[in-house]
Amino acid sequence: MPTDWPTLEAALLKMPRREVVSLAARAAERVAPVLAQAADHYGPEAFEWLHALTATIRTAQRYSAGEPVTRFALDLASDAARCAANAMASAAQTLGPAACHEACEDAIAAAAFAADAARAKSPAHAAGRAMQACRAAGDVPPASGPLWPDGEPGWFTQGMARYRFAVGGETS
C-alpha cells in the first residue's frame, strides 16, 4: 500500500522533534547500503561514500537519542552527505552512471535530510526535512524495532556485508 504522505506529514508535525529526526535517520539507514552496489561500477570509493552516509546518519541518531550534538556537528554531517553526492556525480561524469546511480542519489539525499531535520530552525521545518528523507528513501520505516520487520532484503544484507568487509569490521 502506498504511503499516505499528507497523513504522515500531519503526524510528523505533532511528534516531538527528536522522534521526527529518529524516523528520518531510520529511513536513511534503510537505504544507505545501496551504495555498496555502486562499488562494482565506481570502485572502492563507493564504500567511502557509504561511510560518509553512515557517519551522517549516526550523528542524527545521536541527536535523536538526546546526546549532546553541536550545530557544527550537524552542519558537518549534512555536508558530508552532500560531499558524497558531489564525489559520486564526479565519478559518474568520468565513468558513466552506475545502474544503481539513482538509488544511490536517493540514499544520499535521505541521509542529508535526516541531518537537516536535526538542525532545522523550527519543528515544522524538521518535519518537512523528515518527510523529504522518507520520500527519498521511498518508504517510511517502523518507528522502532528492526528496520526490516519482514526480513532484510538481499541487497541490504549484501551491502552491509560488503561495507563491513571494505572498512575492516564494525561500522558503528
N, C-alpha and C. Protein backbone atom coordinates (compact mmCIF):
# COMPACT_ATOMS: atom_id res chain seq x y z
N MET A 1 0.85 -1.18 0.00
CA MET A 1 0.00 0.00 0.00
C MET A 1 0.90 1.25 0.00
N PRO A 2 0.65 2.16 -0.90
CA PRO A 2 1.49 3.37 -0.97
C PRO A 2 1.34 4.22 0.30
N THR A 3 2.40 4.93 0.59
CA THR A 3 2.41 5.80 1.76
C THR A 3 1.46 6.96 1.55
N ASP A 4 0.69 7.27 2.56
CA ASP A 4 -0.20 8.43 2.55
C ASP A 4 0.63 9.60 3.08
N TRP A 5 1.31 10.30 2.16
CA TRP A 5 2.25 11.35 2.54
C TRP A 5 1.61 12.50 3.31
N PRO A 6 0.43 12.98 2.91
CA PRO A 6 -0.17 14.07 3.69
C PRO A 6 -0.48 13.66 5.14
N THR A 7 -0.93 12.43 5.33
CA THR A 7 -1.21 11.96 6.69
C THR A 7 0.09 11.84 7.48
N LEU A 8 1.14 11.36 6.84
CA LEU A 8 2.43 11.26 7.52
C LEU A 8 2.94 12.64 7.91
N GLU A 9 2.82 13.60 7.00
CA GLU A 9 3.29 14.94 7.31
C GLU A 9 2.53 15.53 8.49
N ALA A 10 1.23 15.32 8.54
CA ALA A 10 0.43 15.82 9.67
C ALA A 10 0.88 15.16 10.97
N ALA A 11 1.18 13.87 10.91
CA ALA A 11 1.65 13.16 12.11
C ALA A 11 3.02 13.68 12.55
N LEU A 12 3.90 13.93 11.59
CA LEU A 12 5.23 14.44 11.93
C LEU A 12 5.17 15.80 12.61
N LEU A 13 4.23 16.61 12.18
CA LEU A 13 4.08 17.94 12.77
C LEU A 13 3.66 17.87 14.25
N LYS A 14 3.07 16.77 14.65
CA LYS A 14 2.61 16.60 16.03
C LYS A 14 3.63 15.87 16.91
N MET A 15 4.62 15.27 16.29
CA MET A 15 5.60 14.47 17.04
C MET A 15 6.68 15.35 17.65
N PRO A 16 7.26 14.90 18.77
CA PRO A 16 8.43 15.62 19.31
C PRO A 16 9.57 15.59 18.29
N ARG A 17 10.34 16.64 18.27
CA ARG A 17 11.40 16.80 17.28
C ARG A 17 12.37 15.62 17.25
N ARG A 18 12.76 15.12 18.40
CA ARG A 18 13.72 14.01 18.42
C ARG A 18 13.14 12.76 17.75
N GLU A 19 11.85 12.52 17.90
CA GLU A 19 11.21 11.38 17.23
C GLU A 19 11.17 11.59 15.72
N VAL A 20 10.96 12.83 15.31
CA VAL A 20 10.94 13.17 13.89
C VAL A 20 12.31 12.87 13.29
N VAL A 21 13.36 13.30 13.98
CA VAL A 21 14.72 13.08 13.50
C VAL A 21 15.04 11.58 13.49
N SER A 22 14.59 10.87 14.52
CA SER A 22 14.82 9.42 14.58
C SER A 22 14.20 8.72 13.37
N LEU A 23 12.99 9.10 13.03
CA LEU A 23 12.32 8.48 11.88
C LEU A 23 13.08 8.79 10.59
N ALA A 24 13.53 10.03 10.44
CA ALA A 24 14.29 10.40 9.24
C ALA A 24 15.60 9.60 9.16
N ALA A 25 16.27 9.45 10.30
CA ALA A 25 17.53 8.69 10.32
C ALA A 25 17.29 7.22 10.00
N ARG A 26 16.20 6.67 10.52
CA ARG A 26 15.88 5.26 10.22
C ARG A 26 15.57 5.08 8.73
N ALA A 27 14.89 6.05 8.14
CA ALA A 27 14.60 5.96 6.70
C ALA A 27 15.90 5.94 5.91
N ALA A 28 16.83 6.81 6.29
CA ALA A 28 18.12 6.86 5.60
C ALA A 28 18.92 5.59 5.83
N GLU A 29 18.87 5.08 7.03
CA GLU A 29 19.63 3.87 7.37
C GLU A 29 19.16 2.67 6.56
N ARG A 30 17.87 2.63 6.24
CA ARG A 30 17.33 1.52 5.46
C ARG A 30 17.91 1.46 4.05
N VAL A 31 18.21 2.62 3.46
CA VAL A 31 18.60 2.63 2.06
C VAL A 31 20.09 2.87 1.83
N ALA A 32 20.81 3.29 2.85
CA ALA A 32 22.24 3.61 2.67
C ALA A 32 23.06 2.48 2.07
N PRO A 33 22.84 1.21 2.45
CA PRO A 33 23.69 0.14 1.91
C PRO A 33 23.63 -0.04 0.40
N VAL A 34 22.71 0.62 -0.27
CA VAL A 34 22.68 0.52 -1.73
C VAL A 34 23.97 1.07 -2.33
N LEU A 35 24.65 1.95 -1.61
CA LEU A 35 25.91 2.49 -2.13
C LEU A 35 26.97 1.41 -2.30
N ALA A 36 26.87 0.32 -1.55
CA ALA A 36 27.83 -0.77 -1.71
C ALA A 36 27.73 -1.36 -3.12
N GLN A 37 26.53 -1.33 -3.71
CA GLN A 37 26.37 -1.83 -5.08
C GLN A 37 27.13 -0.96 -6.08
N ALA A 38 27.27 0.31 -5.76
CA ALA A 38 27.95 1.23 -6.67
C ALA A 38 29.44 0.91 -6.79
N ALA A 39 30.00 0.18 -5.83
CA ALA A 39 31.42 -0.17 -5.88
C ALA A 39 31.75 -1.03 -7.10
N ASP A 40 30.78 -1.79 -7.56
CA ASP A 40 31.01 -2.61 -8.75
C ASP A 40 31.30 -1.74 -9.98
N HIS A 41 30.74 -0.55 -9.99
CA HIS A 41 30.92 0.35 -11.14
C HIS A 41 31.96 1.44 -10.85
N TYR A 42 31.87 2.07 -9.68
CA TYR A 42 32.72 3.21 -9.35
C TYR A 42 34.00 2.83 -8.61
N GLY A 43 34.09 1.61 -8.13
CA GLY A 43 35.26 1.19 -7.39
C GLY A 43 35.09 1.38 -5.89
N PRO A 44 36.16 1.13 -5.14
CA PRO A 44 36.08 1.15 -3.67
C PRO A 44 35.73 2.51 -3.08
N GLU A 45 35.82 3.56 -3.88
CA GLU A 45 35.43 4.88 -3.42
C GLU A 45 33.97 4.89 -2.92
N ALA A 46 33.15 4.04 -3.51
CA ALA A 46 31.74 3.98 -3.12
C ALA A 46 31.60 3.61 -1.65
N PHE A 47 32.52 2.80 -1.14
CA PHE A 47 32.47 2.46 0.29
C PHE A 47 32.79 3.68 1.15
N GLU A 48 33.62 4.58 0.65
CA GLU A 48 33.90 5.82 1.37
C GLU A 48 32.64 6.69 1.40
N TRP A 49 31.89 6.71 0.32
CA TRP A 49 30.63 7.48 0.30
C TRP A 49 29.66 6.88 1.31
N LEU A 50 29.60 5.55 1.35
CA LEU A 50 28.72 4.88 2.32
C LEU A 50 29.17 5.19 3.74
N HIS A 51 30.47 5.25 3.95
CA HIS A 51 30.99 5.59 5.29
C HIS A 51 30.55 7.01 5.67
N ALA A 52 30.60 7.94 4.73
CA ALA A 52 30.16 9.31 5.00
C ALA A 52 28.67 9.33 5.36
N LEU A 53 27.88 8.54 4.65
CA LEU A 53 26.45 8.47 4.96
C LEU A 53 26.22 7.87 6.34
N THR A 54 26.96 6.83 6.65
CA THR A 54 26.81 6.19 7.96
C THR A 54 27.14 7.18 9.07
N ALA A 55 28.19 7.96 8.89
CA ALA A 55 28.54 8.97 9.90
C ALA A 55 27.45 10.03 10.01
N THR A 56 26.88 10.43 8.88
CA THR A 56 25.78 11.40 8.88
C THR A 56 24.58 10.86 9.64
N ILE A 57 24.22 9.64 9.34
CA ILE A 57 23.06 9.02 9.99
C ILE A 57 23.32 8.85 11.49
N ARG A 58 24.51 8.42 11.86
CA ARG A 58 24.85 8.24 13.29
C ARG A 58 24.77 9.57 14.05
N THR A 59 25.17 10.66 13.41
CA THR A 59 25.09 11.96 14.06
C THR A 59 23.62 12.33 14.31
N ALA A 60 22.77 12.11 13.32
CA ALA A 60 21.34 12.38 13.50
C ALA A 60 20.76 11.47 14.59
N GLN A 61 21.19 10.22 14.63
CA GLN A 61 20.71 9.30 15.65
C GLN A 61 21.15 9.73 17.05
N ARG A 62 22.37 10.22 17.15
CA ARG A 62 22.84 10.71 18.45
C ARG A 62 21.98 11.90 18.90
N TYR A 63 21.67 12.79 17.99
CA TYR A 63 20.80 13.92 18.31
C TYR A 63 19.44 13.40 18.79
N SER A 64 18.87 12.46 18.04
CA SER A 64 17.53 11.96 18.38
C SER A 64 17.52 11.21 19.71
N ALA A 65 18.67 10.67 20.11
CA ALA A 65 18.78 9.97 21.39
C ALA A 65 18.99 10.93 22.56
N GLY A 66 19.11 12.22 22.25
CA GLY A 66 19.28 13.21 23.30
C GLY A 66 20.72 13.45 23.70
N GLU A 67 21.65 12.88 22.96
CA GLU A 67 23.05 13.12 23.25
C GLU A 67 23.42 14.54 22.81
N PRO A 68 24.42 15.13 23.47
CA PRO A 68 24.81 16.48 23.05
C PRO A 68 25.48 16.44 21.68
N VAL A 69 24.89 17.15 20.75
CA VAL A 69 25.41 17.25 19.39
C VAL A 69 25.40 18.74 19.03
N THR A 70 26.54 19.26 18.65
CA THR A 70 26.63 20.69 18.33
C THR A 70 26.03 20.98 16.96
N ARG A 71 25.68 22.22 16.75
CA ARG A 71 25.20 22.66 15.43
C ARG A 71 26.29 22.40 14.39
N PHE A 72 27.55 22.63 14.75
CA PHE A 72 28.65 22.38 13.82
C PHE A 72 28.67 20.91 13.40
N ALA A 73 28.50 20.00 14.36
CA ALA A 73 28.49 18.57 14.04
C ALA A 73 27.35 18.23 13.09
N LEU A 74 26.19 18.84 13.30
CA LEU A 74 25.05 18.60 12.40
C LEU A 74 25.30 19.19 11.02
N ASP A 75 25.89 20.39 10.99
CA ASP A 75 26.24 21.01 9.70
C ASP A 75 27.24 20.13 8.94
N LEU A 76 28.24 19.67 9.67
CA LEU A 76 29.27 18.83 9.07
C LEU A 76 28.68 17.52 8.56
N ALA A 77 27.78 16.93 9.34
CA ALA A 77 27.14 15.68 8.93
C ALA A 77 26.35 15.87 7.64
N SER A 78 25.57 16.93 7.58
CA SER A 78 24.79 17.21 6.38
C SER A 78 25.71 17.44 5.18
N ASP A 79 26.77 18.21 5.42
CA ASP A 79 27.72 18.48 4.34
C ASP A 79 28.47 17.23 3.90
N ALA A 80 28.73 16.31 4.81
CA ALA A 80 29.42 15.06 4.45
C ALA A 80 28.58 14.27 3.45
N ALA A 81 27.28 14.22 3.67
CA ALA A 81 26.41 13.51 2.73
C ALA A 81 26.42 14.22 1.38
N ARG A 82 26.35 15.53 1.40
CA ARG A 82 26.35 16.27 0.15
C ARG A 82 27.70 16.16 -0.57
N CYS A 83 28.77 16.05 0.18
CA CYS A 83 30.09 15.83 -0.40
C CYS A 83 30.13 14.47 -1.11
N ALA A 84 29.52 13.46 -0.48
CA ALA A 84 29.44 12.14 -1.12
C ALA A 84 28.67 12.24 -2.43
N ALA A 85 27.61 13.05 -2.45
CA ALA A 85 26.84 13.23 -3.68
C ALA A 85 27.70 13.87 -4.76
N ASN A 86 28.48 14.87 -4.38
CA ASN A 86 29.37 15.52 -5.35
C ASN A 86 30.42 14.56 -5.89
N ALA A 87 30.99 13.75 -4.99
CA ALA A 87 32.01 12.78 -5.42
C ALA A 87 31.41 11.74 -6.36
N MET A 88 30.19 11.30 -6.05
CA MET A 88 29.55 10.31 -6.91
C MET A 88 29.22 10.93 -8.27
N ALA A 89 28.78 12.18 -8.28
CA ALA A 89 28.49 12.86 -9.55
C ALA A 89 29.75 12.99 -10.40
N SER A 90 30.86 13.28 -9.75
CA SER A 90 32.14 13.38 -10.46
C SER A 90 32.54 12.03 -11.03
N ALA A 91 32.37 10.98 -10.24
CA ALA A 91 32.69 9.64 -10.73
C ALA A 91 31.79 9.26 -11.90
N ALA A 92 30.53 9.65 -11.84
CA ALA A 92 29.60 9.33 -12.93
C ALA A 92 29.98 10.07 -14.21
N GLN A 93 30.52 11.27 -14.07
CA GLN A 93 30.96 12.01 -15.26
C GLN A 93 32.15 11.31 -15.91
N THR A 94 33.01 10.75 -15.07
CA THR A 94 34.21 10.09 -15.59
C THR A 94 33.90 8.68 -16.12
N LEU A 95 33.12 7.92 -15.36
CA LEU A 95 32.89 6.51 -15.67
C LEU A 95 31.52 6.21 -16.25
N GLY A 96 30.66 7.21 -16.31
CA GLY A 96 29.27 6.97 -16.68
C GLY A 96 28.49 6.53 -15.45
N PRO A 97 27.18 6.74 -15.46
CA PRO A 97 26.39 6.39 -14.28
C PRO A 97 26.25 4.88 -14.09
N ALA A 98 26.29 4.48 -12.84
CA ALA A 98 26.06 3.08 -12.49
C ALA A 98 24.57 2.78 -12.63
N ALA A 99 24.24 1.52 -12.75
CA ALA A 99 22.83 1.12 -12.84
C ALA A 99 22.06 1.55 -11.59
N CYS A 100 22.74 1.59 -10.45
CA CYS A 100 22.09 1.94 -9.19
C CYS A 100 22.27 3.42 -8.84
N HIS A 101 22.69 4.22 -9.80
CA HIS A 101 23.03 5.62 -9.53
C HIS A 101 21.86 6.39 -8.88
N GLU A 102 20.66 6.27 -9.44
CA GLU A 102 19.52 7.00 -8.88
C GLU A 102 19.20 6.54 -7.46
N ALA A 103 19.28 5.26 -7.22
CA ALA A 103 19.02 4.75 -5.86
C ALA A 103 20.07 5.29 -4.89
N CYS A 104 21.31 5.39 -5.35
CA CYS A 104 22.37 5.96 -4.51
C CYS A 104 22.12 7.43 -4.24
N GLU A 105 21.69 8.17 -5.25
CA GLU A 105 21.37 9.58 -5.04
C GLU A 105 20.27 9.74 -4.00
N ASP A 106 19.26 8.87 -4.08
CA ASP A 106 18.16 8.93 -3.10
C ASP A 106 18.65 8.61 -1.69
N ALA A 107 19.54 7.62 -1.57
CA ALA A 107 20.08 7.26 -0.26
C ALA A 107 20.88 8.41 0.34
N ILE A 108 21.67 9.06 -0.49
CA ILE A 108 22.46 10.20 -0.03
C ILE A 108 21.54 11.33 0.41
N ALA A 109 20.51 11.60 -0.39
CA ALA A 109 19.56 12.66 -0.03
C ALA A 109 18.86 12.34 1.29
N ALA A 110 18.48 11.10 1.49
CA ALA A 110 17.80 10.72 2.73
C ALA A 110 18.68 11.00 3.94
N ALA A 111 19.97 10.67 3.83
CA ALA A 111 20.89 10.92 4.95
C ALA A 111 21.06 12.42 5.19
N ALA A 112 21.22 13.19 4.13
CA ALA A 112 21.36 14.64 4.28
C ALA A 112 20.12 15.25 4.91
N PHE A 113 18.95 14.80 4.48
CA PHE A 113 17.70 15.33 5.05
C PHE A 113 17.54 14.94 6.52
N ALA A 114 18.05 13.77 6.91
CA ALA A 114 17.98 13.38 8.32
C ALA A 114 18.79 14.36 9.18
N ALA A 115 19.98 14.69 8.72
CA ALA A 115 20.80 15.68 9.45
C ALA A 115 20.14 17.05 9.40
N ASP A 116 19.55 17.39 8.27
CA ASP A 116 18.86 18.67 8.14
C ASP A 116 17.66 18.76 9.10
N ALA A 117 16.98 17.65 9.33
CA ALA A 117 15.86 17.64 10.27
C ALA A 117 16.34 17.99 11.67
N ALA A 118 17.51 17.50 12.03
CA ALA A 118 18.06 17.78 13.36
C ALA A 118 18.49 19.23 13.50
N ARG A 119 18.95 19.83 12.43
CA ARG A 119 19.45 21.20 12.52
C ARG A 119 18.44 22.24 12.05
N ALA A 120 17.22 21.81 11.77
CA ALA A 120 16.17 22.71 11.29
C ALA A 120 15.86 23.80 12.31
N LYS A 121 15.42 24.95 11.80
CA LYS A 121 15.16 26.11 12.66
C LYS A 121 13.88 25.99 13.48
N SER A 122 12.96 25.14 13.03
CA SER A 122 11.69 25.02 13.74
C SER A 122 11.18 23.58 13.64
N PRO A 123 10.25 23.21 14.51
CA PRO A 123 9.66 21.87 14.40
C PRO A 123 9.00 21.62 13.03
N ALA A 124 8.38 22.65 12.47
CA ALA A 124 7.75 22.49 11.16
C ALA A 124 8.80 22.21 10.07
N HIS A 125 9.92 22.91 10.14
CA HIS A 125 11.00 22.65 9.18
C HIS A 125 11.58 21.25 9.39
N ALA A 126 11.71 20.84 10.64
CA ALA A 126 12.21 19.49 10.93
C ALA A 126 11.29 18.44 10.34
N ALA A 127 9.98 18.65 10.50
CA ALA A 127 9.01 17.70 9.93
C ALA A 127 9.12 17.66 8.41
N GLY A 128 9.32 18.83 7.80
CA GLY A 128 9.46 18.88 6.35
C GLY A 128 10.69 18.13 5.87
N ARG A 129 11.81 18.29 6.57
CA ARG A 129 13.04 17.59 6.19
C ARG A 129 12.89 16.08 6.41
N ALA A 130 12.21 15.70 7.48
CA ALA A 130 11.98 14.27 7.72
C ALA A 130 11.11 13.68 6.63
N MET A 131 10.11 14.43 6.17
CA MET A 131 9.28 13.98 5.05
C MET A 131 10.15 13.75 3.82
N GLN A 132 11.06 14.69 3.56
CA GLN A 132 11.93 14.55 2.40
C GLN A 132 12.83 13.32 2.55
N ALA A 133 13.30 13.06 3.75
CA ALA A 133 14.13 11.86 3.98
C ALA A 133 13.33 10.60 3.68
N CYS A 134 12.09 10.54 4.17
CA CYS A 134 11.25 9.36 3.93
C CYS A 134 10.92 9.21 2.45
N ARG A 135 10.63 10.32 1.79
CA ARG A 135 10.34 10.26 0.35
C ARG A 135 11.56 9.80 -0.43
N ALA A 136 12.74 10.33 -0.09
CA ALA A 136 13.96 9.92 -0.78
C ALA A 136 14.23 8.44 -0.54
N ALA A 137 13.93 7.98 0.66
CA ALA A 137 14.13 6.56 0.97
C ALA A 137 13.06 5.69 0.32
N GLY A 138 11.96 6.30 -0.09
CA GLY A 138 10.92 5.56 -0.79
C GLY A 138 9.93 4.88 0.11
N ASP A 139 10.09 5.03 1.42
CA ASP A 139 9.22 4.31 2.34
C ASP A 139 9.39 4.91 3.73
N VAL A 140 8.47 4.60 4.60
CA VAL A 140 8.54 5.04 5.98
C VAL A 140 8.89 3.82 6.83
N PRO A 141 10.00 3.87 7.54
CA PRO A 141 10.36 2.72 8.36
C PRO A 141 9.50 2.64 9.60
N PRO A 142 9.46 1.48 10.25
CA PRO A 142 8.77 1.42 11.53
C PRO A 142 9.49 2.33 12.52
N ALA A 143 8.74 2.90 13.46
CA ALA A 143 9.32 3.86 14.41
C ALA A 143 10.36 3.22 15.33
N SER A 144 10.23 1.93 15.56
CA SER A 144 11.21 1.24 16.42
C SER A 144 11.28 -0.22 15.99
N GLY A 145 12.19 -0.95 16.61
CA GLY A 145 12.37 -2.35 16.26
C GLY A 145 13.24 -2.50 15.03
N PRO A 146 13.19 -3.66 14.39
CA PRO A 146 14.03 -3.90 13.22
C PRO A 146 13.69 -2.95 12.08
N LEU A 147 14.72 -2.56 11.33
CA LEU A 147 14.49 -1.70 10.17
C LEU A 147 13.63 -2.40 9.13
N TRP A 148 13.77 -3.71 9.05
CA TRP A 148 13.03 -4.51 8.08
C TRP A 148 12.25 -5.59 8.84
N PRO A 149 11.06 -5.28 9.34
CA PRO A 149 10.30 -6.24 10.16
C PRO A 149 10.01 -7.57 9.46
N ASP A 150 9.91 -7.54 8.14
CA ASP A 150 9.62 -8.77 7.40
C ASP A 150 10.88 -9.46 6.90
N GLY A 151 12.03 -9.04 7.40
CA GLY A 151 13.31 -9.61 7.00
C GLY A 151 14.05 -8.68 6.06
N GLU A 152 15.35 -8.60 6.24
CA GLU A 152 16.18 -7.72 5.43
C GLU A 152 16.20 -8.19 3.98
N PRO A 153 16.03 -7.27 3.04
CA PRO A 153 16.16 -7.66 1.64
C PRO A 153 17.61 -8.05 1.33
N GLY A 154 17.78 -8.87 0.33
CA GLY A 154 19.12 -9.35 -0.02
C GLY A 154 20.11 -8.24 -0.30
N TRP A 155 19.67 -7.18 -1.00
CA TRP A 155 20.59 -6.09 -1.33
C TRP A 155 21.08 -5.39 -0.07
N PHE A 156 20.23 -5.28 0.95
CA PHE A 156 20.61 -4.63 2.20
C PHE A 156 21.65 -5.48 2.94
N THR A 157 21.36 -6.75 3.09
CA THR A 157 22.26 -7.66 3.78
C THR A 157 23.61 -7.74 3.07
N GLN A 158 23.57 -7.88 1.74
CA GLN A 158 24.80 -7.96 0.96
C GLN A 158 25.57 -6.64 1.04
N GLY A 159 24.87 -5.53 0.95
CA GLY A 159 25.52 -4.22 1.01
C GLY A 159 26.22 -4.01 2.34
N MET A 160 25.57 -4.37 3.43
CA MET A 160 26.19 -4.20 4.75
C MET A 160 27.39 -5.13 4.90
N ALA A 161 27.28 -6.36 4.39
CA ALA A 161 28.40 -7.30 4.48
C ALA A 161 29.60 -6.77 3.68
N ARG A 162 29.35 -6.27 2.49
CA ARG A 162 30.43 -5.73 1.65
C ARG A 162 31.06 -4.51 2.31
N TYR A 163 30.22 -3.68 2.91
CA TYR A 163 30.71 -2.48 3.58
C TYR A 163 31.58 -2.85 4.78
N ARG A 164 31.12 -3.77 5.60
CA ARG A 164 31.90 -4.18 6.77
C ARG A 164 33.23 -4.78 6.35
N PHE A 165 33.21 -5.55 5.28
CA PHE A 165 34.46 -6.13 4.77
C PHE A 165 35.40 -5.04 4.29
N ALA A 166 34.84 -4.06 3.57
CA ALA A 166 35.66 -2.98 2.99
C ALA A 166 36.30 -2.10 4.06
N VAL A 167 35.56 -1.85 5.14
CA VAL A 167 36.10 -0.96 6.18
C VAL A 167 36.79 -1.73 7.30
N GLY A 168 36.76 -3.05 7.21
CA GLY A 168 37.51 -3.86 8.18
C GLY A 168 36.87 -4.04 9.53
N GLY A 169 35.58 -4.28 9.57
CA GLY A 169 34.95 -4.61 10.85
C GLY A 169 33.74 -3.77 11.17
N GLU A 170 33.65 -3.37 12.42
CA GLU A 170 32.48 -2.67 12.92
C GLU A 170 32.29 -1.32 12.23
N THR A 171 31.02 -0.93 12.08
CA THR A 171 30.70 0.31 11.40
C THR A 171 30.00 1.31 12.30
N SER A 172 29.77 0.97 13.55
CA SER A 172 29.05 1.91 14.40
C SER A 172 29.98 2.83 15.13
